[in-house]
């Protein structure tokens, strides 16, 4: 079985109706009852997280409150945090193939729907989009991301170059995900809860984490 796991803030997910042979699970982060939201007219997503994480009780502030919205999760850590929560909560019953996307992925990969529909269920790891190279600080696109710092924390060694595809769009088999125990993913989630830059860092790390040797 192929399962598509989507991190959604407030985007249109009608495009998922074009997916064939996939179970689609959408996690919602926009809760109208939570007063703390991104003001897209005034700040970037990065600015929002920097502002949010500076508040002492920020985790408590973004806890879901609505009862009529399915699969609500705290608005933390952007895509990566949601993906780690999914793996933790479904560790014992993960799908054969797990496809992790967000609610507006097409601008990162124009033929994403076709690639997902054609993805063999016996694939190991596949990421979607444009290949890029990052240094340990997120450069050359960014220069203050804890990419190398998180890698060293998770694996106990240093690495200075990371091949990745922008957008945090990837598929991993159950066997690949289960190479790590649940405590590994709990640590990843904790990083997502404590560092507002972590999602952009994990974007650069997913391929390294799940496709060993790269």
C-alpha atoms as a PDB file:
ATOM      1  CA  UNK A   1       0.000   0.000   0.000  1.00  0.00           C
ATOM      2  CA  UNK A   2       1.157   3.523  -0.804  1.00  0.00           C
ATOM      3  CA  UNK A   3       0.206   6.175   1.728  1.00  0.00           C
ATOM      4  CA  UNK A   4       0.595   9.884   1.028  1.00  0.00           C
ATOM      5  CA  UNK A   5       1.158  11.930   4.192  1.00  0.00           C
ATOM      6  CA  UNK A   6       0.515  15.647   3.713  1.00  0.00           C
ATOM      7  CA  UNK A   7       1.444  18.528   5.972  1.00  0.00           C
ATOM      8  CA  UNK A   8      -1.232  21.188   5.371  1.00  0.00           C
ATOM      9  CA  UNK A   9      -1.436  24.670   6.770  1.00  0.00           C
ATOM     10  CA  UNK A  10      -4.279  26.326   4.865  1.00  0.00           C
ATOM     11  CA  UNK A  11      -3.566  25.293   1.290  1.00  0.00           C
ATOM     12  CA  UNK A  12      -5.755  23.703  -1.359  1.00  0.00           C
ATOM     13  CA  UNK A  13      -5.304  19.938  -1.492  1.00  0.00           C
ATOM     14  CA  UNK A  14      -7.758  19.234  -4.338  1.00  0.00           C
ATOM     15  CA  UNK A  15      -4.780  18.089  -6.418  1.00  0.00           C
ATOM     16  CA  UNK A  16      -4.646  14.929  -4.291  1.00  0.00           C
ATOM     17  CA  UNK A  17      -7.757  13.726  -6.134  1.00  0.00           C
ATOM     18  CA  UNK A  18      -5.419  13.029  -9.067  1.00  0.00           C
ATOM     19  CA  UNK A  19      -3.411  10.515  -7.079  1.00  0.00           C
ATOM     20  CA  UNK A  20      -4.097   6.918  -8.046  1.00  0.00           C
ATOM     21  CA  UNK A  21      -3.818   3.901  -5.787  1.00  0.00           C
ATOM     22  CA  UNK A  22      -2.799   5.950  -2.765  1.00  0.00           C
ATOM     23  CA  UNK A  23      -4.276   6.346   0.683  1.00  0.00           C
ATOM     24  CA  UNK A  24      -4.073  10.070   1.473  1.00  0.00           C
ATOM     25  CA  UNK A  25      -3.703  11.280   5.056  1.00  0.00           C
ATOM     26  CA  UNK A  26      -3.769  15.055   5.569  1.00  0.00           C
ATOM     27  CA  UNK A  27      -2.528  16.627   8.783  1.00  0.00           C
ATOM     28  CA  UNK A  28      -3.977  20.089   9.380  1.00  0.00           C
ATOM     29  CA  UNK A  29      -2.032  22.818  11.146  1.00  0.00           C
ATOM     30  CA  UNK A  30      -4.403  25.736  10.646  1.00  0.00           C
ATOM     31  CA  UNK A  31      -6.889  25.969  13.491  1.00  0.00           C
ATOM     32  CA  UNK A  32      -9.080  29.113  13.431  1.00  0.00           C
ATOM     33  CA  UNK A  33      -9.531  28.830  17.204  1.00  0.00           C
ATOM     34  CA  UNK A  34      -5.806  29.239  17.793  1.00  0.00           C
ATOM     35  CA  UNK A  35      -5.056  32.974  17.857  1.00  0.00           C
ATOM     36  CA  UNK A  36      -1.404  32.701  16.884  1.00  0.00           C
ATOM     37  CA  UNK A  37      -1.084  32.487  13.075  1.00  0.00           C
ATOM     38  CA  UNK A  38       1.212  33.539  10.279  1.00  0.00           C
ATOM     39  CA  UNK A  39       0.509  37.034   8.978  1.00  0.00           C
ATOM     40  CA  UNK A  40       1.595  36.399   5.398  1.00  0.00           C
ATOM     41  CA  UNK A  41       1.183  40.048   4.483  1.00  0.00           C
ATOM     42  CA  UNK A  42       3.725  41.126   7.063  1.00  0.00           C
ATOM     43  CA  UNK A  43       6.148  38.283   7.687  1.00  0.00           C
ATOM     44  CA  UNK A  44       7.757  35.255   6.128  1.00  0.00           C
ATOM     45  CA  UNK A  45       7.268  31.744   7.438  1.00  0.00           C
ATOM     46  CA  UNK A  46      10.784  31.874   8.840  1.00  0.00           C
ATOM     47  CA  UNK A  47       9.995  35.134  10.654  1.00  0.00           C
ATOM     48  CA  UNK A  48       6.816  33.580  12.063  1.00  0.00           C
ATOM     49  CA  UNK A  49       8.694  30.660  13.584  1.00  0.00           C
ATOM     50  CA  UNK A  50      11.407  32.909  14.973  1.00  0.00           C
ATOM     51  CA  UNK A  51       8.692  35.026  16.617  1.00  0.00           C
ATOM     52  CA  UNK A  52       6.697  32.033  17.815  1.00  0.00           C
ATOM     53  CA  UNK A  53       9.553  30.096  19.397  1.00  0.00           C
ATOM     54  CA  UNK A  54      10.642  33.199  21.321  1.00  0.00           C
ATOM     55  CA  UNK A  55       7.432  33.070  23.398  1.00  0.00           C
ATOM     56  CA  UNK A  56       7.994  31.084  26.632  1.00  0.00           C
ATOM     57  CA  UNK A  57       4.839  28.952  26.362  1.00  0.00           C
ATOM     58  CA  UNK A  58       4.719  28.683  22.572  1.00  0.00           C
ATOM     59  CA  UNK A  59       4.068  24.916  22.516  1.00  0.00           C
ATOM     60  CA  UNK A  60       1.017  25.390  24.683  1.00  0.00           C
ATOM     61  CA  UNK A  61      -0.191  28.322  22.575  1.00  0.00           C
ATOM     62  CA  UNK A  62      -0.367  26.345  19.323  1.00  0.00           C
ATOM     63  CA  UNK A  63      -2.105  23.242  20.636  1.00  0.00           C
ATOM     64  CA  UNK A  64      -5.228  22.478  18.553  1.00  0.00           C
ATOM     65  CA  UNK A  65      -8.581  23.586  19.975  1.00  0.00           C
ATOM     66  CA  UNK A  66     -11.129  22.834  17.260  1.00  0.00           C
ATOM     67  CA  UNK A  67     -13.168  19.650  17.458  1.00  0.00           C
ATOM     68  CA  UNK A  68     -14.578  19.643  13.919  1.00  0.00           C
ATOM     69  CA  UNK A  69     -11.286  19.562  11.970  1.00  0.00           C
ATOM     70  CA  UNK A  70      -9.711  16.176  11.387  1.00  0.00           C
ATOM     71  CA  UNK A  71      -6.080  15.327  12.116  1.00  0.00           C
ATOM     72  CA  UNK A  72      -5.162  18.627  13.730  1.00  0.00           C
ATOM     73  CA  UNK A  73      -1.561  18.859  14.909  1.00  0.00           C
ATOM     74  CA  UNK A  74       0.347  21.702  16.599  1.00  0.00           C
ATOM     75  CA  UNK A  75       1.608  24.364  14.205  1.00  0.00           C
ATOM     76  CA  UNK A  76       5.259  23.674  14.919  1.00  0.00           C
ATOM     77  CA  UNK A  77       8.279  22.685  12.881  1.00  0.00           C
ATOM     78  CA  UNK A  78       6.654  23.012   9.468  1.00  0.00           C
ATOM     79  CA  UNK A  79       6.795  19.817   7.330  1.00  0.00           C
ATOM     80  CA  UNK A  80       9.511  17.861   9.115  1.00  0.00           C
ATOM     81  CA  UNK A  81       7.871  17.937  12.536  1.00  0.00           C
ATOM     82  CA  UNK A  82       4.587  16.625  11.117  1.00  0.00           C
ATOM     83  CA  UNK A  83       6.382  13.823   9.276  1.00  0.00           C
ATOM     84  CA  UNK A  84       8.202  12.763  12.437  1.00  0.00           C
ATOM     85  CA  UNK A  85       4.957  12.801  14.429  1.00  0.00           C
ATOM     86  CA  UNK A  86       3.367  10.549  11.815  1.00  0.00           C
ATOM     87  CA  UNK A  87       6.236   8.066  11.972  1.00  0.00           C
ATOM     88  CA  UNK A  88       6.150   8.045  15.778  1.00  0.00           C
ATOM     89  CA  UNK A  89       2.372   7.576  15.984  1.00  0.00           C
ATOM     90  CA  UNK A  90       2.303   4.884  13.291  1.00  0.00           C
ATOM     91  CA  UNK A  91       5.640   3.244  13.975  1.00  0.00           C
ATOM     92  CA  UNK A  92       4.083  -0.212  14.376  1.00  0.00           C
ATOM     93  CA  UNK A  93       1.735   0.051  11.385  1.00  0.00           C
ATOM     94  CA  UNK A  94       3.520   2.099   8.739  1.00  0.00           C
ATOM     95  CA  UNK A  95       2.466   1.680   5.129  1.00  0.00           C
ATOM     96  CA  UNK A  96       4.627  -0.319   2.735  1.00  0.00           C
ATOM     97  CA  UNK A  97       5.483   2.940   0.939  1.00  0.00           C
ATOM     98  CA  UNK A  98       5.223   6.307   2.709  1.00  0.00           C
ATOM     99  CA  UNK A  99       5.145   9.461   0.589  1.00  0.00           C
ATOM    100  CA  UNK A 100       5.693  12.699   2.504  1.00  0.00           C
ATOM    101  CA  UNK A 101       4.471  15.929   0.887  1.00  0.00           C
ATOM    102  CA  UNK A 102       3.103  19.338   1.810  1.00  0.00           C
ATOM    103  CA  UNK A 103      -0.021  21.097   0.591  1.00  0.00           C
ATOM    104  CA  UNK A 104       1.622  23.056  -2.236  1.00  0.00           C
ATOM    105  CA  UNK A 105       4.286  20.768  -3.701  1.00  0.00           C
ATOM    106  CA  UNK A 106       3.817  21.280  -7.439  1.00  0.00           C
ATOM    107  CA  UNK A 107       5.977  24.422  -7.644  1.00  0.00           C
ATOM    108  CA  UNK A 108       8.887  22.324  -6.340  1.00  0.00           C
ATOM    109  CA  UNK A 109       8.241  19.441  -8.757  1.00  0.00           C
ATOM    110  CA  UNK A 110       6.019  20.033 -11.783  1.00  0.00           C
ATOM    111  CA  UNK A 111       5.422  16.350 -12.553  1.00  0.00           C
ATOM    112  CA  UNK A 112       5.052  15.259  -8.940  1.00  0.00           C
ATOM    113  CA  UNK A 113       1.615  13.682  -9.406  1.00  0.00           C
ATOM    114  CA  UNK A 114       2.853  11.513 -12.259  1.00  0.00           C
ATOM    115  CA  UNK A 115       5.932  10.482 -10.281  1.00  0.00           C
ATOM    116  CA  UNK A 116       3.852   9.516  -7.258  1.00  0.00           C
ATOM    117  CA  UNK A 117       1.331   7.597  -9.360  1.00  0.00           C
ATOM    118  CA  UNK A 118       4.111   5.726 -11.137  1.00  0.00           C
ATOM    119  CA  UNK A 119       6.208   5.086  -8.044  1.00  0.00           C
ATOM    120  CA  UNK A 120       6.778   1.331  -7.626  1.00  0.00           C
ATOM    121  CA  UNK A 121       5.660   0.069  -4.240  1.00  0.00           C
ATOM    122  CA  UNK A 122       8.956  -1.788  -3.850  1.00  0.00           C
ATOM    123  CA  UNK A 123      10.999   1.433  -4.031  1.00  0.00           C
ATOM    124  CA  UNK A 124      13.502   2.107  -1.291  1.00  0.00           C
ATOM    125  CA  UNK A 125      13.855   5.885  -1.112  1.00  0.00           C
ATOM    126  CA  UNK A 126      12.909   8.504  -3.701  1.00  0.00           C
ATOM    127  CA  UNK A 127      12.945  12.269  -3.369  1.00  0.00           C
ATOM    128  CA  UNK A 128      11.222  14.670  -5.733  1.00  0.00           C
ATOM    129  CA  UNK A 129      12.300  18.025  -7.150  1.00  0.00           C
ATOM    130  CA  UNK A 130      15.506  19.793  -8.051  1.00  0.00           C
ATOM    131  CA  UNK A 131      18.799  18.433  -6.750  1.00  0.00           C
ATOM    132  CA  UNK A 132      20.860  20.884  -4.726  1.00  0.00           C
ATOM    133  CA  UNK A 133      23.922  20.915  -2.496  1.00  0.00           C
ATOM    134  CA  UNK A 134      24.121  22.372   0.997  1.00  0.00           C
ATOM    135  CA  UNK A 135      26.999  22.996   3.309  1.00  0.00           C
ATOM    136  CA  UNK A 136      26.770  22.426   7.068  1.00  0.00           C
ATOM    137  CA  UNK A 137      25.162  25.843   7.539  1.00  0.00           C
ATOM    138  CA  UNK A 138      22.541  25.577   4.798  1.00  0.00           C
ATOM    139  CA  UNK A 139      24.558  27.480   2.191  1.00  0.00           C
ATOM    140  CA  UNK A 140      24.664  28.657  -0.459  1.00  0.00           C
ATOM    141  CA  UNK A 141      20.893  29.324  -0.161  1.00  0.00           C
ATOM    142  CA  UNK A 142      21.044  30.026   3.570  1.00  0.00           C
ATOM    143  CA  UNK A 143      23.849  30.559   6.032  1.00  0.00           C
ATOM    144  CA  UNK A 144      22.504  30.061   9.553  1.00  0.00           C
ATOM    145  CA  UNK A 145      20.798  26.679   9.491  1.00  0.00           C
ATOM    146  CA  UNK A 146      21.927  23.979  11.943  1.00  0.00           C
ATOM    147  CA  UNK A 147      22.323  21.286   9.269  1.00  0.00           C
ATOM    148  CA  UNK A 148      25.699  19.979  10.398  1.00  0.00           C
ATOM    149  CA  UNK A 149      24.814  20.511  14.056  1.00  0.00           C
ATOM    150  CA  UNK A 150      21.687  18.336  13.791  1.00  0.00           C
ATOM    151  CA  UNK A 151      23.538  15.688  11.788  1.00  0.00           C
ATOM    152  CA  UNK A 152      26.239  15.489  14.457  1.00  0.00           C
ATOM    153  CA  UNK A 153      23.644  15.302  17.231  1.00  0.00           C
ATOM    154  CA  UNK A 154      21.821  12.423  15.508  1.00  0.00           C
ATOM    155  CA  UNK A 155      24.810  10.434  14.253  1.00  0.00           C
ATOM    156  CA  UNK A 156      27.721  11.440  16.479  1.00  0.00           C
ATOM    157  CA  UNK A 157      29.989  12.497  13.638  1.00  0.00           C
ATOM    158  CA  UNK A 158      30.619  15.465  11.394  1.00  0.00           C
ATOM    159  CA  UNK A 159      29.553  15.987   7.786  1.00  0.00           C
ATOM    160  CA  UNK A 160      29.948  19.165   5.764  1.00  0.00           C
ATOM    161  CA  UNK A 161      28.131  18.548   2.455  1.00  0.00           C
ATOM    162  CA  UNK A 162      24.574  17.373   1.934  1.00  0.00           C
ATOM    163  CA  UNK A 163      22.838  16.519  -1.341  1.00  0.00           C
ATOM    164  CA  UNK A 164      19.116  17.254  -1.152  1.00  0.00           C
ATOM    165  CA  UNK A 165      16.045  18.192  -3.144  1.00  0.00           C
ATOM    166  CA  UNK A 166      14.178  21.323  -2.185  1.00  0.00           C
ATOM    167  CA  UNK A 167      10.706  21.142  -0.712  1.00  0.00           C
ATOM    168  CA  UNK A 168      10.950  18.159   1.680  1.00  0.00           C
ATOM    169  CA  UNK A 169       9.129  15.907  -0.801  1.00  0.00           C
ATOM    170  CA  UNK A 170      10.161  12.272  -0.554  1.00  0.00           C
ATOM    171  CA  UNK A 171       9.049   8.663  -0.337  1.00  0.00           C
ATOM    172  CA  UNK A 172      10.480   6.006   1.947  1.00  0.00           C
ATOM    173  CA  UNK A 173       9.567   2.373   2.359  1.00  0.00           C
ATOM    174  CA  UNK A 174       8.554   0.967   5.720  1.00  0.00           C
ATOM    175  CA  UNK A 175      11.819  -0.979   5.860  1.00  0.00           C
ATOM    176  CA  UNK A 176      13.816   2.204   5.363  1.00  0.00           C
ATOM    177  CA  UNK A 177      11.910   4.061   8.072  1.00  0.00           C
ATOM    178  CA  UNK A 178      12.328   1.163  10.492  1.00  0.00           C
ATOM    179  CA  UNK A 179      16.104   1.266  10.191  1.00  0.00           C
ATOM    180  CA  UNK A 180      15.850   3.745  13.044  1.00  0.00           C
ATOM    181  CA  UNK A 181      14.142   3.032  16.336  1.00  0.00           C
ATOM    182  CA  UNK A 182      11.284   5.164  17.595  1.00  0.00           C
ATOM    183  CA  UNK A 183      13.566   7.089  19.942  1.00  0.00           C
ATOM    184  CA  UNK A 184      15.469   8.411  16.937  1.00  0.00           C
ATOM    185  CA  UNK A 185      12.280   9.981  15.596  1.00  0.00           C
ATOM    186  CA  UNK A 186      11.365  11.294  19.028  1.00  0.00           C
ATOM    187  CA  UNK A 187      14.694  13.085  19.123  1.00  0.00           C
ATOM    188  CA  UNK A 188      14.042  14.511  15.661  1.00  0.00           C
ATOM    189  CA  UNK A 189      10.630  15.727  16.817  1.00  0.00           C
ATOM    190  CA  UNK A 190      12.200  17.307  19.899  1.00  0.00           C
ATOM    191  CA  UNK A 191      14.585  19.208  17.647  1.00  0.00           C
ATOM    192  CA  UNK A 192      11.551  20.406  15.696  1.00  0.00           C
ATOM    193  CA  UNK A 193       9.971  21.650  18.913  1.00  0.00           C
ATOM    194  CA  UNK A 194      13.026  23.564  20.082  1.00  0.00           C
ATOM    195  CA  UNK A 195      14.687  25.078  17.017  1.00  0.00           C
ATOM    196  CA  UNK A 196      12.665  27.317  14.657  1.00  0.00           C
ATOM    197  CA  UNK A 197      15.172  26.687  11.869  1.00  0.00           C
ATOM    198  CA  UNK A 198      14.991  22.910  12.076  1.00  0.00           C
ATOM    199  CA  UNK A 199      12.516  22.295   9.253  1.00  0.00           C
ATOM    200  CA  UNK A 200      14.801  23.959   6.713  1.00  0.00           C
ATOM    201  CA  UNK A 201      17.731  21.998   8.135  1.00  0.00           C
ATOM    202  CA  UNK A 202      15.851  18.688   7.907  1.00  0.00           C
ATOM    203  CA  UNK A 203      14.912  19.547   4.316  1.00  0.00           C
ATOM    204  CA  UNK A 204      18.637  19.291   3.627  1.00  0.00           C
ATOM    205  CA  UNK A 205      19.014  16.130   5.724  1.00  0.00           C
ATOM    206  CA  UNK A 206      16.193  13.809   4.644  1.00  0.00           C
ATOM    207  CA  UNK A 207      18.165  12.242   1.793  1.00  0.00           C
ATOM    208  CA  UNK A 208      21.221  11.747   3.996  1.00  0.00           C
ATOM    209  CA  UNK A 209      19.100  10.210   6.780  1.00  0.00           C
ATOM    210  CA  UNK A 210      17.135   7.790   4.627  1.00  0.00           C
ATOM    211  CA  UNK A 211      19.456   7.116   1.689  1.00  0.00           C
ATOM    212  CA  UNK A 212      22.541   5.898   3.440  1.00  0.00           C
ATOM    213  CA  UNK A 213      25.908   6.645   1.928  1.00  0.00           C
ATOM    214  CA  UNK A 214      24.868  10.017   0.477  1.00  0.00           C
END
